[in-house]
């Protein structure tokens, strides 16, 4: 009811940030229900999808499924091939988006910025990272650097050498990271320029 009411109050649809807390906890069926309410009121579904590296194509498929099951247009926000696992696959990605009748937006630069939390698995919240790492350092390191089922590592396919601290609160607490995904690698295949809308 809330989503339906908001659409009639000038909202254009419903959006999700599935790589960030709390959206990372949302089940696909829950998102379909919210999107269905938006669609019934003439809205659309926009998603910052669950993964842009290893899980990119599964994450795009999830967004498309939500739109199909909820019967509303889909837009993928910040569409990109984040890591070497998917570099050179922009044409495949754009084909999947276009074939589904969806849209997307891309940013025109070879870096992205996020919070420290986006590098951590669900079971390692930022506030507890020191104790979690101390309790099971091997699992923590493996999850952060290579991922695990249900969690795509942003370090995997990018590398620590391209991750830069871009903001701290007091020179000891990291709050934001800048990740340079392409310009540091002149041999990386370049994506074919294409419209996503």
C-alpha atoms as a PDB file:
ATOM      1  CA  UNK A   1       0.000   0.000   0.000  1.00  0.00           C
ATOM      2  CA  UNK A   2       2.809   2.437   0.854  1.00  0.00           C
ATOM      3  CA  UNK A   3       4.552   1.965  -2.515  1.00  0.00           C
ATOM      4  CA  UNK A   4       1.266   2.366  -4.405  1.00  0.00           C
ATOM      5  CA  UNK A   5       0.456   5.537  -2.432  1.00  0.00           C
ATOM      6  CA  UNK A   6       3.939   7.013  -3.061  1.00  0.00           C
ATOM      7  CA  UNK A   7       3.609   6.485  -6.827  1.00  0.00           C
ATOM      8  CA  UNK A   8       0.441   8.550  -6.784  1.00  0.00           C
ATOM      9  CA  UNK A   9       2.337  11.169  -4.746  1.00  0.00           C
ATOM     10  CA  UNK A  10       4.755  11.804  -7.634  1.00  0.00           C
ATOM     11  CA  UNK A  11       7.296   8.999  -7.110  1.00  0.00           C
ATOM     12  CA  UNK A  12       8.332   7.387 -10.391  1.00  0.00           C
ATOM     13  CA  UNK A  13       8.800   3.880  -9.049  1.00  0.00           C
ATOM     14  CA  UNK A  14      10.790   1.823  -6.602  1.00  0.00           C
ATOM     15  CA  UNK A  15      14.550   1.396  -6.468  1.00  0.00           C
ATOM     16  CA  UNK A  16      16.883  -0.966  -4.680  1.00  0.00           C
ATOM     17  CA  UNK A  17      20.536  -0.878  -3.644  1.00  0.00           C
ATOM     18  CA  UNK A  18      21.252  -4.597  -3.424  1.00  0.00           C
ATOM     19  CA  UNK A  19      24.995  -4.356  -2.914  1.00  0.00           C
ATOM     20  CA  UNK A  20      24.561  -2.211   0.211  1.00  0.00           C
ATOM     21  CA  UNK A  21      23.060  -2.713   3.671  1.00  0.00           C
ATOM     22  CA  UNK A  22      20.116  -3.064   4.177  1.00  0.00           C
ATOM     23  CA  UNK A  23      19.204  -3.902   0.553  1.00  0.00           C
ATOM     24  CA  UNK A  24      21.683  -6.763   0.454  1.00  0.00           C
ATOM     25  CA  UNK A  25      19.309  -8.676   2.758  1.00  0.00           C
ATOM     26  CA  UNK A  26      16.293  -8.351   0.419  1.00  0.00           C
ATOM     27  CA  UNK A  27      14.990 -11.545  -1.157  1.00  0.00           C
ATOM     28  CA  UNK A  28      14.034 -11.501  -4.833  1.00  0.00           C
ATOM     29  CA  UNK A  29      10.401 -12.356  -4.031  1.00  0.00           C
ATOM     30  CA  UNK A  30      10.223  -9.399  -1.647  1.00  0.00           C
ATOM     31  CA  UNK A  31      11.517  -7.119  -4.394  1.00  0.00           C
ATOM     32  CA  UNK A  32       8.977  -8.532  -6.848  1.00  0.00           C
ATOM     33  CA  UNK A  33       6.153  -7.698  -4.404  1.00  0.00           C
ATOM     34  CA  UNK A  34       7.363  -4.110  -3.975  1.00  0.00           C
ATOM     35  CA  UNK A  35       7.892  -3.704  -7.708  1.00  0.00           C
ATOM     36  CA  UNK A  36       4.447  -5.148  -8.433  1.00  0.00           C
ATOM     37  CA  UNK A  37       2.890  -2.413  -6.287  1.00  0.00           C
ATOM     38  CA  UNK A  38       4.891   0.216  -8.168  1.00  0.00           C
ATOM     39  CA  UNK A  39       3.966  -1.299 -11.517  1.00  0.00           C
ATOM     40  CA  UNK A  40       0.264  -1.340 -10.672  1.00  0.00           C
ATOM     41  CA  UNK A  41       0.513   2.404 -10.160  1.00  0.00           C
ATOM     42  CA  UNK A  42       2.420   2.968 -13.422  1.00  0.00           C
ATOM     43  CA  UNK A  43       5.902   3.066 -11.884  1.00  0.00           C
ATOM     44  CA  UNK A  44       9.196   1.424 -12.774  1.00  0.00           C
ATOM     45  CA  UNK A  45      11.876  -0.616 -10.999  1.00  0.00           C
ATOM     46  CA  UNK A  46      15.472   0.679 -10.808  1.00  0.00           C
ATOM     47  CA  UNK A  47      18.212  -1.394  -9.234  1.00  0.00           C
ATOM     48  CA  UNK A  48      21.797  -0.979  -8.165  1.00  0.00           C
ATOM     49  CA  UNK A  49      22.251  -4.706  -8.698  1.00  0.00           C
ATOM     50  CA  UNK A  50      23.815  -7.300  -6.369  1.00  0.00           C
ATOM     51  CA  UNK A  51      27.054  -7.734  -8.269  1.00  0.00           C
ATOM     52  CA  UNK A  52      29.042  -6.145 -11.068  1.00  0.00           C
ATOM     53  CA  UNK A  53      31.985  -8.548 -11.270  1.00  0.00           C
ATOM     54  CA  UNK A  54      31.717 -12.317 -10.841  1.00  0.00           C
ATOM     55  CA  UNK A  55      27.934 -12.111 -10.299  1.00  0.00           C
ATOM     56  CA  UNK A  56      27.177  -9.446 -12.926  1.00  0.00           C
ATOM     57  CA  UNK A  57      25.082 -11.517 -15.320  1.00  0.00           C
ATOM     58  CA  UNK A  58      23.146 -13.244 -12.518  1.00  0.00           C
ATOM     59  CA  UNK A  59      22.470  -9.852 -10.935  1.00  0.00           C
ATOM     60  CA  UNK A  60      21.186  -8.385 -14.216  1.00  0.00           C
ATOM     61  CA  UNK A  61      19.030 -11.494 -14.708  1.00  0.00           C
ATOM     62  CA  UNK A  62      17.551 -10.940 -11.233  1.00  0.00           C
ATOM     63  CA  UNK A  63      16.625  -7.329 -12.053  1.00  0.00           C
ATOM     64  CA  UNK A  64      15.045  -8.439 -15.332  1.00  0.00           C
ATOM     65  CA  UNK A  65      13.138 -11.206 -13.533  1.00  0.00           C
ATOM     66  CA  UNK A  66      11.785  -8.706 -11.011  1.00  0.00           C
ATOM     67  CA  UNK A  67      10.509  -6.490 -13.810  1.00  0.00           C
ATOM     68  CA  UNK A  68       9.033  -9.428 -15.733  1.00  0.00           C
ATOM     69  CA  UNK A  69       7.242 -10.897 -12.712  1.00  0.00           C
ATOM     70  CA  UNK A  70       6.046  -7.496 -11.500  1.00  0.00           C
ATOM     71  CA  UNK A  71       5.112  -6.360 -15.024  1.00  0.00           C
ATOM     72  CA  UNK A  72       6.944  -3.045 -15.042  1.00  0.00           C
ATOM     73  CA  UNK A  73       9.933  -1.446 -16.812  1.00  0.00           C
ATOM     74  CA  UNK A  74      13.420  -2.131 -15.414  1.00  0.00           C
ATOM     75  CA  UNK A  75      16.419   0.186 -15.196  1.00  0.00           C
ATOM     76  CA  UNK A  76      19.865  -0.993 -14.051  1.00  0.00           C
ATOM     77  CA  UNK A  77      21.779   1.783 -12.304  1.00  0.00           C
ATOM     78  CA  UNK A  78      25.549   2.246 -12.746  1.00  0.00           C
ATOM     79  CA  UNK A  79      25.856  -0.609 -15.228  1.00  0.00           C
ATOM     80  CA  UNK A  80      29.484  -1.701 -15.529  1.00  0.00           C
ATOM     81  CA  UNK A  81      31.844  -4.611 -15.959  1.00  0.00           C
ATOM     82  CA  UNK A  82      33.558  -4.091 -12.610  1.00  0.00           C
ATOM     83  CA  UNK A  83      36.422  -6.564 -12.703  1.00  0.00           C
ATOM     84  CA  UNK A  84      38.712  -8.573 -14.957  1.00  0.00           C
ATOM     85  CA  UNK A  85      36.269 -11.475 -14.631  1.00  0.00           C
ATOM     86  CA  UNK A  86      33.917  -9.598 -16.968  1.00  0.00           C
ATOM     87  CA  UNK A  87      36.129  -7.093 -18.775  1.00  0.00           C
ATOM     88  CA  UNK A  88      35.523  -7.285 -22.492  1.00  0.00           C
ATOM     89  CA  UNK A  89      31.938  -8.537 -22.022  1.00  0.00           C
ATOM     90  CA  UNK A  90      30.169  -5.185 -22.311  1.00  0.00           C
ATOM     91  CA  UNK A  91      28.561  -6.225 -25.604  1.00  0.00           C
ATOM     92  CA  UNK A  92      27.084  -9.343 -23.943  1.00  0.00           C
ATOM     93  CA  UNK A  93      25.883  -7.237 -21.037  1.00  0.00           C
ATOM     94  CA  UNK A  94      24.242  -4.623 -23.235  1.00  0.00           C
ATOM     95  CA  UNK A  95      22.616  -7.358 -25.337  1.00  0.00           C
ATOM     96  CA  UNK A  96      21.070  -8.895 -22.199  1.00  0.00           C
ATOM     97  CA  UNK A  97      19.729  -5.490 -21.142  1.00  0.00           C
ATOM     98  CA  UNK A  98      18.375  -4.630 -24.597  1.00  0.00           C
ATOM     99  CA  UNK A  99      16.932  -8.106 -25.283  1.00  0.00           C
ATOM    100  CA  UNK A 100      14.888  -7.805 -22.073  1.00  0.00           C
ATOM    101  CA  UNK A 101      13.622  -4.337 -23.009  1.00  0.00           C
ATOM    102  CA  UNK A 102      15.361  -2.869 -19.966  1.00  0.00           C
ATOM    103  CA  UNK A 103      17.462   0.276 -19.719  1.00  0.00           C
ATOM    104  CA  UNK A 104      20.606   1.151 -17.837  1.00  0.00           C
ATOM    105  CA  UNK A 105      23.022   3.953 -17.174  1.00  0.00           C
ATOM    106  CA  UNK A 106      26.787   3.857 -17.282  1.00  0.00           C
ATOM    107  CA  UNK A 107      29.282   6.281 -15.960  1.00  0.00           C
ATOM    108  CA  UNK A 108      31.979   7.493 -18.317  1.00  0.00           C
ATOM    109  CA  UNK A 109      35.015   6.884 -16.141  1.00  0.00           C
ATOM    110  CA  UNK A 110      37.213   3.990 -15.171  1.00  0.00           C
ATOM    111  CA  UNK A 111      36.768   4.077 -11.409  1.00  0.00           C
ATOM    112  CA  UNK A 112      34.071   3.877  -8.782  1.00  0.00           C
ATOM    113  CA  UNK A 113      33.674   4.960  -5.196  1.00  0.00           C
ATOM    114  CA  UNK A 114      31.998   3.063  -2.388  1.00  0.00           C
ATOM    115  CA  UNK A 115      31.968   2.462   1.335  1.00  0.00           C
ATOM    116  CA  UNK A 116      34.242   0.038   3.154  1.00  0.00           C
ATOM    117  CA  UNK A 117      31.138  -2.052   3.875  1.00  0.00           C
ATOM    118  CA  UNK A 118      30.828  -2.931   0.183  1.00  0.00           C
ATOM    119  CA  UNK A 119      34.046  -4.975   0.445  1.00  0.00           C
ATOM    120  CA  UNK A 120      32.814  -7.010   3.405  1.00  0.00           C
ATOM    121  CA  UNK A 121      30.606 -10.115   3.557  1.00  0.00           C
ATOM    122  CA  UNK A 122      27.314  -9.875   5.466  1.00  0.00           C
ATOM    123  CA  UNK A 123      28.718 -11.668   8.479  1.00  0.00           C
ATOM    124  CA  UNK A 124      31.480  -9.056   8.889  1.00  0.00           C
ATOM    125  CA  UNK A 125      29.864  -5.662   9.520  1.00  0.00           C
ATOM    126  CA  UNK A 126      32.247  -2.689   9.602  1.00  0.00           C
ATOM    127  CA  UNK A 127      31.672  -2.055  13.315  1.00  0.00           C
ATOM    128  CA  UNK A 128      32.785  -5.614  14.113  1.00  0.00           C
ATOM    129  CA  UNK A 129      35.446  -6.164  11.467  1.00  0.00           C
ATOM    130  CA  UNK A 130      38.372  -6.333  13.896  1.00  0.00           C
ATOM    131  CA  UNK A 131      36.763  -8.995  16.089  1.00  0.00           C
ATOM    132  CA  UNK A 132      35.445 -10.966  13.097  1.00  0.00           C
ATOM    133  CA  UNK A 133      38.886 -10.974  11.460  1.00  0.00           C
ATOM    134  CA  UNK A 134      40.504 -12.037  14.733  1.00  0.00           C
ATOM    135  CA  UNK A 135      38.009 -14.864  15.228  1.00  0.00           C
ATOM    136  CA  UNK A 136      38.475 -16.423  11.772  1.00  0.00           C
ATOM    137  CA  UNK A 137      41.177 -14.618   9.813  1.00  0.00           C
ATOM    138  CA  UNK A 138      41.406 -17.222   7.047  1.00  0.00           C
ATOM    139  CA  UNK A 139      37.686 -17.198   6.251  1.00  0.00           C
ATOM    140  CA  UNK A 140      37.546 -13.411   6.484  1.00  0.00           C
ATOM    141  CA  UNK A 141      40.492 -12.916   4.128  1.00  0.00           C
ATOM    142  CA  UNK A 142      39.166 -15.480   1.623  1.00  0.00           C
ATOM    143  CA  UNK A 143      35.704 -13.903   1.584  1.00  0.00           C
ATOM    144  CA  UNK A 144      37.040 -10.377   1.113  1.00  0.00           C
ATOM    145  CA  UNK A 145      39.591 -11.337  -1.535  1.00  0.00           C
ATOM    146  CA  UNK A 146      37.781 -14.043  -3.529  1.00  0.00           C
ATOM    147  CA  UNK A 147      34.166 -14.051  -2.345  1.00  0.00           C
ATOM    148  CA  UNK A 148      31.970 -16.914  -1.237  1.00  0.00           C
ATOM    149  CA  UNK A 149      28.470 -18.174  -2.075  1.00  0.00           C
ATOM    150  CA  UNK A 150      26.087 -15.247  -1.734  1.00  0.00           C
ATOM    151  CA  UNK A 151      28.878 -12.661  -1.594  1.00  0.00           C
ATOM    152  CA  UNK A 152      30.820 -11.304  -4.556  1.00  0.00           C
ATOM    153  CA  UNK A 153      34.223  -9.916  -3.671  1.00  0.00           C
ATOM    154  CA  UNK A 154      34.977  -6.518  -5.195  1.00  0.00           C
ATOM    155  CA  UNK A 155      38.684  -7.178  -4.660  1.00  0.00           C
ATOM    156  CA  UNK A 156      38.605 -10.297  -6.868  1.00  0.00           C
ATOM    157  CA  UNK A 157      39.379  -9.301 -10.415  1.00  0.00           C
ATOM    158  CA  UNK A 158      40.378  -5.757  -9.411  1.00  0.00           C
ATOM    159  CA  UNK A 159      43.217  -6.260  -6.923  1.00  0.00           C
ATOM    160  CA  UNK A 160      44.321  -4.389  -3.824  1.00  0.00           C
ATOM    161  CA  UNK A 161      46.723  -2.282  -5.890  1.00  0.00           C
ATOM    162  CA  UNK A 162      43.738  -0.459  -7.426  1.00  0.00           C
ATOM    163  CA  UNK A 163      41.878   0.231  -4.185  1.00  0.00           C
ATOM    164  CA  UNK A 164      42.594   3.601  -2.615  1.00  0.00           C
ATOM    165  CA  UNK A 165      41.311   5.093   0.624  1.00  0.00           C
ATOM    166  CA  UNK A 166      39.424   8.209  -0.422  1.00  0.00           C
ATOM    167  CA  UNK A 167      37.957   9.341   2.891  1.00  0.00           C
ATOM    168  CA  UNK A 168      38.503   8.803   6.604  1.00  0.00           C
ATOM    169  CA  UNK A 169      36.784  10.225   9.629  1.00  0.00           C
ATOM    170  CA  UNK A 170      39.876  10.676  11.779  1.00  0.00           C
ATOM    171  CA  UNK A 171      42.843   9.265   9.855  1.00  0.00           C
ATOM    172  CA  UNK A 172      42.307   5.892  11.493  1.00  0.00           C
ATOM    173  CA  UNK A 173      38.801   4.953  10.344  1.00  0.00           C
ATOM    174  CA  UNK A 174      38.264   4.276   6.636  1.00  0.00           C
ATOM    175  CA  UNK A 175      34.837   5.391   5.463  1.00  0.00           C
ATOM    176  CA  UNK A 176      35.107   5.539   1.649  1.00  0.00           C
ATOM    177  CA  UNK A 177      37.177   3.810  -0.988  1.00  0.00           C
ATOM    178  CA  UNK A 178      37.966   4.691  -4.580  1.00  0.00           C
ATOM    179  CA  UNK A 179      38.482   1.740  -6.878  1.00  0.00           C
ATOM    180  CA  UNK A 180      40.286   2.304 -10.173  1.00  0.00           C
ATOM    181  CA  UNK A 181      39.201  -0.572 -12.350  1.00  0.00           C
ATOM    182  CA  UNK A 182      40.587   0.177 -15.782  1.00  0.00           C
ATOM    183  CA  UNK A 183      42.973   3.070 -16.197  1.00  0.00           C
ATOM    184  CA  UNK A 184      45.637   1.273 -14.151  1.00  0.00           C
ATOM    185  CA  UNK A 185      45.622  -1.505 -16.756  1.00  0.00           C
ATOM    186  CA  UNK A 186      46.351  -0.256 -20.277  1.00  0.00           C
ATOM    187  CA  UNK A 187      46.037  -3.815 -21.648  1.00  0.00           C
ATOM    188  CA  UNK A 188      42.429  -4.177 -20.503  1.00  0.00           C
ATOM    189  CA  UNK A 189      39.971  -4.685 -23.371  1.00  0.00           C
ATOM    190  CA  UNK A 190      37.907  -1.598 -24.046  1.00  0.00           C
ATOM    191  CA  UNK A 191      34.129  -1.893 -24.081  1.00  0.00           C
ATOM    192  CA  UNK A 192      32.243  -1.088 -27.228  1.00  0.00           C
ATOM    193  CA  UNK A 193      30.436   2.217 -26.872  1.00  0.00           C
ATOM    194  CA  UNK A 194      26.686   1.706 -26.883  1.00  0.00           C
ATOM    195  CA  UNK A 195      23.567   3.364 -25.605  1.00  0.00           C
ATOM    196  CA  UNK A 196      21.818   1.689 -22.706  1.00  0.00           C
ATOM    197  CA  UNK A 197      18.553   3.520 -22.914  1.00  0.00           C
END
